[in-house]
PDB file of N, CA and C in Angstrom:
ATOM      1  N   UNK A   1       0.835  -1.173   0.000  1.00  0.00           N
ATOM      2  CA  UNK A   1       0.000   0.000   0.000  1.00  0.00           C
ATOM      3  C   UNK A   1       0.880   1.236   0.000  1.00  0.00           C
ATOM      4  N   UNK A   2       0.396   2.198  -0.684  1.00  0.00           N
ATOM      5  CA  UNK A   2       1.177   3.437  -0.684  1.00  0.00           C
ATOM      6  C   UNK A   2       0.757   4.307   0.501  1.00  0.00           C
ATOM      7  N   UNK A   3       1.460   5.386   0.694  1.00  0.00           N
ATOM      8  CA  UNK A   3       1.267   6.241   1.861  1.00  0.00           C
ATOM      9  C   UNK A   3      -0.110   6.908   1.868  1.00  0.00           C
ATOM     10  N   UNK A   4      -0.659   7.250   0.734  1.00  0.00           N
ATOM     11  CA  UNK A   4      -1.975   7.898   0.654  1.00  0.00           C
ATOM     12  C   UNK A   4      -3.058   6.935   1.099  1.00  0.00           C
ATOM     13  N   UNK A   5      -2.967   5.691   0.693  1.00  0.00           N
ATOM     14  CA  UNK A   5      -3.976   4.714   1.080  1.00  0.00           C
ATOM     15  C   UNK A   5      -3.932   4.423   2.571  1.00  0.00           C
ATOM     16  N   UNK A   6      -2.740   4.423   3.195  1.00  0.00           N
ATOM     17  CA  UNK A   6      -2.616   4.156   4.615  1.00  0.00           C
ATOM     18  C   UNK A   6      -3.257   5.272   5.451  1.00  0.00           C
ATOM     19  N   UNK A   7      -3.185   6.503   5.056  1.00  0.00           N
ATOM     20  CA  UNK A   7      -3.792   7.602   5.811  1.00  0.00           C
ATOM     21  C   UNK A   7      -5.265   7.797   5.452  1.00  0.00           C
ATOM     22  N   UNK A   8      -5.637   7.412   4.252  1.00  0.00           N
ATOM     23  CA  UNK A   8      -7.026   7.601   3.822  1.00  0.00           C
ATOM     24  C   UNK A   8      -7.945   6.565   4.447  1.00  0.00           C
ATOM     25  N   UNK A   9      -7.442   5.350   4.643  1.00  0.00           N
ATOM     26  CA  UNK A   9      -8.284   4.287   5.189  1.00  0.00           C
ATOM     27  C   UNK A   9      -8.752   4.591   6.623  1.00  0.00           C
ATOM     28  N   UNK A  10      -7.886   4.981   7.571  1.00  0.00           N
ATOM     29  CA  UNK A  10      -8.384   5.346   8.905  1.00  0.00           C
ATOM     30  C   UNK A  10      -9.295   6.573   8.864  1.00  0.00           C
ATOM     31  N   UNK A  11      -8.992   7.518   7.999  1.00  0.00           N
ATOM     32  CA  UNK A  11      -9.836   8.698   7.873  1.00  0.00           C
ATOM     33  C   UNK A  11     -11.211   8.313   7.355  1.00  0.00           C
ATOM     34  N   UNK A  12     -11.263   7.392   6.424  1.00  0.00           N
ATOM     35  CA  UNK A  12     -12.533   6.907   5.888  1.00  0.00           C
ATOM     36  C   UNK A  12     -13.346   6.217   6.976  1.00  0.00           C
ATOM     37  N   UNK A  13     -12.674   5.399   7.803  1.00  0.00           N
ATOM     38  CA  UNK A  13     -13.371   4.721   8.888  1.00  0.00           C
ATOM     39  C   UNK A  13     -13.919   5.717   9.921  1.00  0.00           C
ATOM     40  N   UNK A  14     -13.177   6.744  10.198  1.00  0.00           N
ATOM     41  CA  UNK A  14     -13.639   7.766  11.149  1.00  0.00           C
ATOM     42  C   UNK A  14     -14.867   8.480  10.609  1.00  0.00           C
ATOM     43  N   UNK A  15     -14.859   8.790   9.331  1.00  0.00           N
ATOM     44  CA  UNK A  15     -16.018   9.453   8.711  1.00  0.00           C
ATOM     45  C   UNK A  15     -17.242   8.537   8.734  1.00  0.00           C
ATOM     46  N   UNK A  16     -17.035   7.250   8.426  1.00  0.00           N
ATOM     47  CA  UNK A  16     -18.164   6.296   8.440  1.00  0.00           C
ATOM     48  C   UNK A  16     -18.731   6.164   9.845  1.00  0.00           C
ATOM     49  N   UNK A  17     -17.868   6.072  10.860  1.00  0.00           N
ATOM     50  CA  UNK A  17     -18.333   5.965  12.242  1.00  0.00           C
ATOM     51  C   UNK A  17     -19.073   7.218  12.689  1.00  0.00           C
ATOM     52  N   UNK A  18     -18.607   8.386  12.285  1.00  0.00           N
ATOM     53  CA  UNK A  18     -19.287   9.627  12.645  1.00  0.00           C
ATOM     54  C   UNK A  18     -20.665   9.711  12.000  1.00  0.00           C
ATOM     55  N   UNK A  19     -20.764   9.292  10.746  1.00  0.00           N
ATOM     56  CA  UNK A  19     -22.060   9.301  10.072  1.00  0.00           C
ATOM     57  C   UNK A  19     -23.016   8.303  10.711  1.00  0.00           C
ATOM     58  N   UNK A  20     -22.509   7.134  11.070  1.00  0.00           N
ATOM     59  CA  UNK A  20     -23.359   6.125  11.703  1.00  0.00           C
ATOM     60  C   UNK A  20     -23.831   6.604  13.077  1.00  0.00           C
ATOM     61  N   UNK A  21     -22.958   7.257  13.807  1.00  0.00           N
ATOM     62  CA  UNK A  21     -23.340   7.774  15.121  1.00  0.00           C
ATOM     63  C   UNK A  21     -24.362   8.900  14.978  1.00  0.00           C
ATOM     64  N   UNK A  22     -24.241   9.697  13.961  1.00  0.00           N
ATOM     65  CA  UNK A  22     -25.196  10.781  13.737  1.00  0.00           C
ATOM     66  C   UNK A  22     -26.574  10.262  13.391  1.00  0.00           C
ATOM     67  N   UNK A  23     -26.631   9.162  12.665  1.00  0.00           N
ATOM     68  CA  UNK A  23     -27.919   8.568  12.304  1.00  0.00           C
ATOM     69  C   UNK A  23     -28.569   7.874  13.490  1.00  0.00           C
ATOM     70  N   UNK A  24     -27.777   7.407  14.421  1.00  0.00           N
ATOM     71  CA  UNK A  24     -28.313   6.669  15.559  1.00  0.00           C
ATOM     72  C   UNK A  24     -28.826   7.590  16.655  1.00  0.00           C
ATOM     73  N   UNK A  25     -28.613   8.859  16.546  1.00  0.00           N
ATOM     74  CA  UNK A  25     -29.012   9.754  17.640  1.00  0.00           C
ATOM     75  C   UNK A  25     -30.391  10.349  17.403  1.00  0.00           C
ATOM     76  N   UNK A  26     -31.361   9.491  17.179  1.00  0.00           N
ATOM     77  CA  UNK A  26     -32.735   9.982  17.043  1.00  0.00           C
ATOM     78  C   UNK A  26     -33.307  10.186  18.439  1.00  0.00           C
ATOM     79  N   UNK A  27     -34.150  11.166  18.581  1.00  0.00           N
ATOM     80  CA  UNK A  27     -34.742  11.440  19.881  1.00  0.00           C
ATOM     81  C   UNK A  27     -35.962  10.558  20.083  1.00  0.00           C
ATOM     82  N   UNK A  28     -36.102  10.066  21.275  1.00  0.00           N
ATOM     83  CA  UNK A  28     -37.231   9.226  21.632  1.00  0.00           C
ATOM     84  C   UNK A  28     -38.224  10.105  22.374  1.00  0.00           C
ATOM     85  N   UNK A  29     -39.495  10.074  21.976  1.00  0.00           N
ATOM     86  CA  UNK A  29     -40.465  10.912  22.671  1.00  0.00           C
ATOM     87  C   UNK A  29     -40.611  10.478  24.133  1.00  0.00           C
ATOM     88  N   UNK A  30     -40.672  11.447  25.005  1.00  0.00           N
ATOM     89  CA  UNK A  30     -40.815  11.172  26.429  1.00  0.00           C
ATOM     90  C   UNK A  30     -42.297  11.143  26.764  1.00  0.00           C
ATOM     91  N   UNK A  31     -42.711  10.060  27.369  1.00  0.00           N
ATOM     92  CA  UNK A  31     -44.103   9.970  27.790  1.00  0.00           C
ATOM     93  C   UNK A  31     -44.164  10.172  29.295  1.00  0.00           C
ATOM     94  N   UNK A  32     -45.153  10.912  29.710  1.00  0.00           N
ATOM     95  CA  UNK A  32     -45.306  11.213  31.121  1.00  0.00           C
ATOM     96  C   UNK A  32     -46.600  10.592  31.615  1.00  0.00           C
ATOM     97  N   UNK A  33     -46.509   9.833  32.698  1.00  0.00           N
ATOM     98  CA  UNK A  33     -47.702   9.255  33.292  1.00  0.00           C
ATOM     99  C   UNK A  33     -48.419  10.307  34.123  1.00  0.00           C
ATOM    100  N   UNK A  34     -49.718  10.105  34.273  1.00  0.00           N
ATOM    101  CA  UNK A  34     -50.486  11.019  35.112  1.00  0.00           C
ATOM    102  C   UNK A  34     -50.002  10.848  36.540  1.00  0.00           C
ATOM    103  N   UNK A  35     -49.786  11.939  37.276  1.00  0.00           N
ATOM    104  CA  UNK A  35     -49.212  11.829  38.622  1.00  0.00           C
ATOM    105  C   UNK A  35     -50.132  11.109  39.604  1.00  0.00           C
ATOM    106  N   UNK A  36     -49.503  10.565  40.635  1.00  0.00           N
ATOM    107  CA  UNK A  36     -50.244   9.888  41.696  1.00  0.00           C
ATOM    108  C   UNK A  36     -50.902  10.920  42.611  1.00  0.00           C
ATOM    109  N   UNK A  37     -52.017  10.526  43.170  1.00  0.00           N
ATOM    110  CA  UNK A  37     -52.771  11.404  44.063  1.00  0.00           C
ATOM    111  C   UNK A  37     -52.060  11.472  45.421  1.00  0.00           C
ATOM    112  N   UNK A  38     -51.957  12.660  46.019  1.00  0.00           N
ATOM    113  CA  UNK A  38     -51.375  12.747  47.357  1.00  0.00           C
ATOM    114  C   UNK A  38     -52.166  11.906  48.363  1.00  0.00           C
ATOM    115  N   UNK A  39     -51.455  11.289  49.269  1.00  0.00           N
ATOM    116  CA  UNK A  39     -52.076  10.378  50.240  1.00  0.00           C
ATOM    117  C   UNK A  39     -53.134  11.071  51.096  1.00  0.00           C
ATOM    118  N   UNK A  40     -52.925  12.335  51.427  1.00  0.00           N
ATOM    119  CA  UNK A  40     -53.896  13.036  52.279  1.00  0.00           C
ATOM    120  C   UNK A  40     -55.250  13.191  51.600  1.00  0.00           C
ATOM    121  N   UNK A  41     -55.260  13.226  50.273  1.00  0.00           N
ATOM    122  CA  UNK A  41     -56.532  13.361  49.561  1.00  0.00           C
ATOM    123  C   UNK A  41     -57.227  12.014  49.368  1.00  0.00           C
ATOM    124  N   UNK A  42     -56.522  10.921  49.650  1.00  0.00           N
ATOM    125  CA  UNK A  42     -57.099   9.593  49.459  1.00  0.00           C
ATOM    126  C   UNK A  42     -57.552   8.939  50.770  1.00  0.00           C
ATOM    127  N   UNK A  43     -57.411   9.632  51.884  1.00  0.00           N
ATOM    128  CA  UNK A  43     -57.838   9.062  53.163  1.00  0.00           C
ATOM    129  C   UNK A  43     -59.355   8.997  53.231  1.00  0.00           C
ATOM    130  N   UNK A  44     -59.834   7.979  53.890  1.00  0.00           N
ATOM    131  CA  UNK A  44     -61.278   7.835  54.030  1.00  0.00           C
ATOM    132  C   UNK A  44     -61.808   8.920  54.968  1.00  0.00           C
ATOM    133  N   UNK A  45     -62.928   9.525  54.614  1.00  0.00           N
ATOM    134  CA  UNK A  45     -63.454  10.613  55.459  1.00  0.00           C
ATOM    135  C   UNK A  45     -63.984  10.069  56.787  1.00  0.00           C
ATOM    136  N   UNK A  46     -63.994  10.934  57.776  1.00  0.00           N
ATOM    137  CA  UNK A  46     -64.534  10.568  59.088  1.00  0.00           C
ATOM    138  C   UNK A  46     -66.053  10.425  58.983  1.00  0.00           C
ATOM    139  N   UNK A  47     -66.561   9.438  59.664  1.00  0.00           N
ATOM    140  CA  UNK A  47     -68.015   9.222  59.644  1.00  0.00           C
ATOM    141  C   UNK A  47     -68.703  10.256  60.536  1.00  0.00           C
ATOM    142  N   UNK A  48     -69.889  10.634  60.128  1.00  0.00           N
ATOM    143  CA  UNK A  48     -70.683  11.548  60.954  1.00  0.00           C
ATOM    144  C   UNK A  48     -71.217  10.780  62.164  1.00  0.00           C
ATOM    145  N   UNK A  49     -71.323  11.476  63.262  1.00  0.00           N
ATOM    146  CA  UNK A  49     -71.782  10.866  64.510  1.00  0.00           C
ATOM    147  C   UNK A  49     -73.312  10.823  64.522  1.00  0.00           C
ATOM    148  N   UNK A  50     -73.885   9.645  64.719  1.00  0.00           N
ATOM    149  CA  UNK A  50     -75.355   9.608  64.847  1.00  0.00           C
ATOM    150  C   UNK A  50     -75.781  10.161  66.203  1.00  0.00           C
ATOM    151  N   UNK A  51     -76.965  10.652  66.231  1.00  0.00           N
ATOM    152  CA  UNK A  51     -77.506  11.172  67.493  1.00  0.00           C
ATOM    153  C   UNK A  51     -77.817   9.979  68.394  1.00  0.00           C
ATOM    154  N   UNK A  52     -77.288   9.987  69.612  1.00  0.00           N
ATOM    155  CA  UNK A  52     -77.560   8.853  70.517  1.00  0.00           C
ATOM    156  C   UNK A  52     -79.060   8.664  70.743  1.00  0.00           C
ATOM    157  N   UNK A  53     -79.439   7.414  70.918  1.00  0.00           N
ATOM    158  CA  UNK A  53     -80.854   7.088  71.103  1.00  0.00           C
ATOM    159  C   UNK A  53     -81.389   7.698  72.396  1.00  0.00           C
ATOM    160  N   UNK A  54     -80.553   7.745  73.418  1.00  0.00           N
ATOM    161  CA  UNK A  54     -81.012   8.247  74.713  1.00  0.00           C
ATOM    162  C   UNK A  54     -80.882   9.765  74.851  1.00  0.00           C
ATOM    163  N   UNK A  55     -80.575  10.461  73.763  1.00  0.00           N
ATOM    164  CA  UNK A  55     -80.444  11.926  73.815  1.00  0.00           C
ATOM    165  C   UNK A  55     -81.832  12.540  73.924  1.00  0.00           C
ATOM    166  N   UNK A  56     -82.041  13.241  75.028  1.00  0.00           N
ATOM    167  CA  UNK A  56     -83.352  13.834  75.274  1.00  0.00           C
ATOM    168  C   UNK A  56     -83.282  15.358  75.339  1.00  0.00           C
ATOM    169  N   UNK A  57     -82.099  15.878  75.494  1.00  0.00           N
ATOM    170  CA  UNK A  57     -81.928  17.314  75.665  1.00  0.00           C
ATOM    171  C   UNK A  57     -81.584  17.985  74.338  1.00  0.00           C
ATOM    172  N   UNK A  58     -81.951  19.249  74.233  1.00  0.00           N
ATOM    173  CA  UNK A  58     -81.608  20.037  73.054  1.00  0.00           C
ATOM    174  C   UNK A  58     -80.097  20.240  72.963  1.00  0.00           C
ATOM    175  N   UNK A  59     -79.425  20.265  74.106  1.00  0.00           N
ATOM    176  CA  UNK A  59     -77.966  20.432  74.100  1.00  0.00           C
ATOM    177  C   UNK A  59     -77.278  19.240  73.447  1.00  0.00           C
ATOM    178  N   UNK A  60     -77.854  18.035  73.619  1.00  0.00           N
ATOM    179  CA  UNK A  60     -77.302  16.844  72.954  1.00  0.00           C
ATOM    180  C   UNK A  60     -77.398  16.998  71.438  1.00  0.00           C
ATOM    181  N   UNK A  61     -78.526  17.483  70.980  1.00  0.00           N
ATOM    182  CA  UNK A  61     -78.722  17.697  69.545  1.00  0.00           C
ATOM    183  C   UNK A  61     -77.756  18.758  69.016  1.00  0.00           C
ATOM    184  N   UNK A  62     -77.613  19.856  69.759  1.00  0.00           N
ATOM    185  CA  UNK A  62     -76.716  20.919  69.321  1.00  0.00           C
ATOM    186  C   UNK A  62     -75.251  20.463  69.311  1.00  0.00           C
ATOM    187  N   UNK A  63     -74.856  19.698  70.319  1.00  0.00           N
ATOM    188  CA  UNK A  63     -73.481  19.198  70.375  1.00  0.00           C
ATOM    189  C   UNK A  63     -73.210  18.246  69.202  1.00  0.00           C
ATOM    190  N   UNK A  64     -74.150  17.363  68.940  1.00  0.00           N
ATOM    191  CA  UNK A  64     -73.999  16.428  67.815  1.00  0.00           C
ATOM    192  C   UNK A  64     -73.942  17.175  66.488  1.00  0.00           C
ATOM    193  N   UNK A  65     -74.764  18.182  66.346  1.00  0.00           N
ATOM    194  CA  UNK A  65     -74.778  18.977  65.118  1.00  0.00           C
ATOM    195  C   UNK A  65     -73.462  19.718  64.935  1.00  0.00           C
ATOM    196  N   UNK A  66     -72.928  20.263  66.018  1.00  0.00           N
ATOM    197  CA  UNK A  66     -71.659  20.995  65.947  1.00  0.00           C
ATOM    198  C   UNK A  66     -70.516  20.067  65.526  1.00  0.00           C
ATOM    199  N   UNK A  67     -70.454  18.878  66.115  1.00  0.00           N
ATOM    200  CA  UNK A  67     -69.400  17.916  65.767  1.00  0.00           C
ATOM    201  C   UNK A  67     -69.519  17.499  64.299  1.00  0.00           C
ATOM    202  N   UNK A  68     -70.727  17.177  63.872  1.00  0.00           N
ATOM    203  CA  UNK A  68     -70.917  16.754  62.482  1.00  0.00           C
ATOM    204  C   UNK A  68     -70.653  17.886  61.492  1.00  0.00           C
ATOM    205  N   UNK A  69     -70.991  19.101  61.868  1.00  0.00           N
ATOM    206  CA  UNK A  69     -70.731  20.232  60.974  1.00  0.00           C
ATOM    207  C   UNK A  69     -69.226  20.434  60.798  1.00  0.00           C
ATOM    208  N   UNK A  70     -68.461  20.268  61.866  1.00  0.00           N
ATOM    209  CA  UNK A  70     -67.009  20.370  61.761  1.00  0.00           C
ATOM    210  C   UNK A  70     -66.443  19.303  60.838  1.00  0.00           C
ATOM    211  N   UNK A  71     -66.946  18.078  60.967  1.00  0.00           N
ATOM    212  CA  UNK A  71     -66.492  16.995  60.080  1.00  0.00           C
ATOM    213  C   UNK A  71     -66.887  17.274  58.634  1.00  0.00           C
ATOM    214  N   UNK A  72     -68.078  17.820  58.443  1.00  0.00           N
ATOM    215  CA  UNK A  72     -68.518  18.168  57.093  1.00  0.00           C
ATOM    216  C   UNK A  72     -67.607  19.221  56.476  1.00  0.00           C
ATOM    217  N   UNK A  73     -67.259  20.255  57.238  1.00  0.00           N
ATOM    218  CA  UNK A  73     -66.392  21.328  56.716  1.00  0.00           C
ATOM    219  C   UNK A  73     -65.021  20.766  56.334  1.00  0.00           C
ATOM    220  N   UNK A  74     -64.482  19.872  57.164  1.00  0.00           N
ATOM    221  CA  UNK A  74     -63.187  19.260  56.848  1.00  0.00           C
ATOM    222  C   UNK A  74     -63.280  18.438  55.567  1.00  0.00           C
ATOM    223  N   UNK A  75     -64.344  17.663  55.437  1.00  0.00           N
ATOM    224  CA  UNK A  75     -64.539  16.853  54.237  1.00  0.00           C
ATOM    225  C   UNK A  75     -64.723  17.733  53.003  1.00  0.00           C
ATOM    226  N   UNK A  76     -65.429  18.826  53.151  1.00  0.00           N
ATOM    227  CA  UNK A  76     -65.633  19.749  52.038  1.00  0.00           C
ATOM    228  C   UNK A  76     -64.313  20.341  51.563  1.00  0.00           C
ATOM    229  N   UNK A  77     -63.440  20.725  52.518  1.00  0.00           N
ATOM    230  CA  UNK A  77     -62.133  21.274  52.154  1.00  0.00           C
ATOM    231  C   UNK A  77     -61.285  20.240  51.414  1.00  0.00           C
ATOM    232  N   UNK A  78     -61.318  18.987  51.865  1.00  0.00           N
ATOM    233  CA  UNK A  78     -60.575  17.930  51.171  1.00  0.00           C
ATOM    234  C   UNK A  78     -61.129  17.724  49.764  1.00  0.00           C
ATOM    235  N   UNK A  79     -62.439  17.781  49.636  1.00  0.00           N
ATOM    236  CA  UNK A  79     -63.076  17.616  48.332  1.00  0.00           C
ATOM    237  C   UNK A  79     -62.660  18.735  47.377  1.00  0.00           C
ATOM    238  N   UNK A  80     -62.655  19.967  47.867  1.00  0.00           N
ATOM    239  CA  UNK A  80     -62.242  21.096  47.025  1.00  0.00           C
ATOM    240  C   UNK A  80     -60.760  21.004  46.670  1.00  0.00           C
ATOM    241  N   UNK A  81     -59.932  20.575  47.618  1.00  0.00           N
ATOM    242  CA  UNK A  81     -58.504  20.380  47.327  1.00  0.00           C
ATOM    243  C   UNK A  81     -58.315  19.279  46.281  1.00  0.00           C
ATOM    244  N   UNK A  82     -59.096  18.213  46.375  1.00  0.00           N
ATOM    245  CA  UNK A  82     -59.028  17.127  45.390  1.00  0.00           C
ATOM    246  C   UNK A  82     -59.368  17.664  43.992  1.00  0.00           C
ATOM    247  N   UNK A  83     -60.428  18.431  43.893  1.00  0.00           N
ATOM    248  CA  UNK A  83     -60.810  18.994  42.603  1.00  0.00           C
ATOM    249  C   UNK A  83     -59.719  19.906  42.055  1.00  0.00           C
ATOM    250  N   UNK A  84     -59.165  20.757  42.893  1.00  0.00           N
ATOM    251  CA  UNK A  84     -58.102  21.665  42.456  1.00  0.00           C
ATOM    252  C   UNK A  84     -56.877  20.880  42.001  1.00  0.00           C
ATOM    253  N   UNK A  85     -56.468  19.860  42.782  1.00  0.00           N
ATOM    254  CA  UNK A  85     -55.314  19.043  42.423  1.00  0.00           C
ATOM    255  C   UNK A  85     -55.543  18.338  41.082  1.00  0.00           C
ATOM    256  N   UNK A  86     -56.712  17.714  40.952  1.00  0.00           N
ATOM    257  CA  UNK A  86     -57.004  16.955  39.739  1.00  0.00           C
ATOM    258  C   UNK A  86     -57.043  17.865  38.515  1.00  0.00           C
ATOM    259  N   UNK A  87     -57.738  18.968  38.578  1.00  0.00           N
ATOM    260  CA  UNK A  87     -57.860  19.863  37.430  1.00  0.00           C
ATOM    261  C   UNK A  87     -56.513  20.455  37.034  1.00  0.00           C
ATOM    262  N   UNK A  88     -55.704  20.836  38.017  1.00  0.00           N
ATOM    263  CA  UNK A  88     -54.382  21.389  37.718  1.00  0.00           C
ATOM    264  C   UNK A  88     -53.490  20.349  37.067  1.00  0.00           C
ATOM    265  N   UNK A  89     -53.447  19.148  37.633  1.00  0.00           N
ATOM    266  CA  UNK A  89     -52.585  18.101  37.073  1.00  0.00           C
ATOM    267  C   UNK A  89     -53.083  17.598  35.729  1.00  0.00           C
ATOM    268  N   UNK A  90     -54.388  17.583  35.538  1.00  0.00           N
ATOM    269  CA  UNK A  90     -54.919  17.168  34.235  1.00  0.00           C
ATOM    270  C   UNK A  90     -54.514  18.180  33.158  1.00  0.00           C
ATOM    271  N   UNK A  91     -54.609  19.474  33.497  1.00  0.00           N
ATOM    272  CA  UNK A  91     -54.222  20.505  32.547  1.00  0.00           C
ATOM    273  C   UNK A  91     -52.737  20.431  32.249  1.00  0.00           C
ATOM    274  N   UNK A  92     -51.907  20.291  33.274  1.00  0.00           N
ATOM    275  CA  UNK A  92     -50.461  20.208  33.063  1.00  0.00           C
ATOM    276  C   UNK A  92     -50.083  18.956  32.259  1.00  0.00           C
ATOM    277  N   UNK A  93     -50.720  17.852  32.550  1.00  0.00           N
ATOM    278  CA  UNK A  93     -50.447  16.604  31.823  1.00  0.00           C
ATOM    279  C   UNK A  93     -50.821  16.763  30.356  1.00  0.00           C
ATOM    280  N   UNK A  94     -51.959  17.378  30.123  1.00  0.00           N
ATOM    281  CA  UNK A  94     -52.415  17.585  28.746  1.00  0.00           C
ATOM    282  C   UNK A  94     -51.461  18.496  27.979  1.00  0.00           C
ATOM    283  N   UNK A  95     -50.985  19.567  28.636  1.00  0.00           N
ATOM    284  CA  UNK A  95     -50.069  20.498  27.987  1.00  0.00           C
ATOM    285  C   UNK A  95     -48.710  19.875  27.686  1.00  0.00           C
ATOM    286  N   UNK A  96     -48.230  19.006  28.561  1.00  0.00           N
ATOM    287  CA  UNK A  96     -46.897  18.433  28.356  1.00  0.00           C
ATOM    288  C   UNK A  96     -46.907  17.222  27.441  1.00  0.00           C
ATOM    289  N   UNK A  97     -48.035  16.547  27.282  1.00  0.00           N
ATOM    290  CA  UNK A  97     -48.059  15.364  26.420  1.00  0.00           C
ATOM    291  C   UNK A  97     -48.518  15.664  25.001  1.00  0.00           C
ATOM    292  N   UNK A  98     -49.035  16.821  24.762  1.00  0.00           N
ATOM    293  CA  UNK A  98     -49.485  17.135  23.391  1.00  0.00           C
ATOM    294  C   UNK A  98     -48.382  17.809  22.603  1.00  0.00           C
TER     295      UNK A  98
END
């Protein structure tokens, strides 16, 4: 082999490898799963307290109503937080996957 062929052959191999590497670098689309729900929003709600059978006083009724109203307000706040979380994450998921 002459001197030109000895230097051209490694140069040719380098060019072929660079072209092959350039063709292999295709981008793969990234898929994003919908996020998991926070654990605090998935807890079972507290049950409302039934009025005791032996409750005869109006104060018993008022106390029971006050306790149940507090539980209702807490459940309502969790429900609103769930809706806000879901709607925000659904919108973000839709924007990033389209």
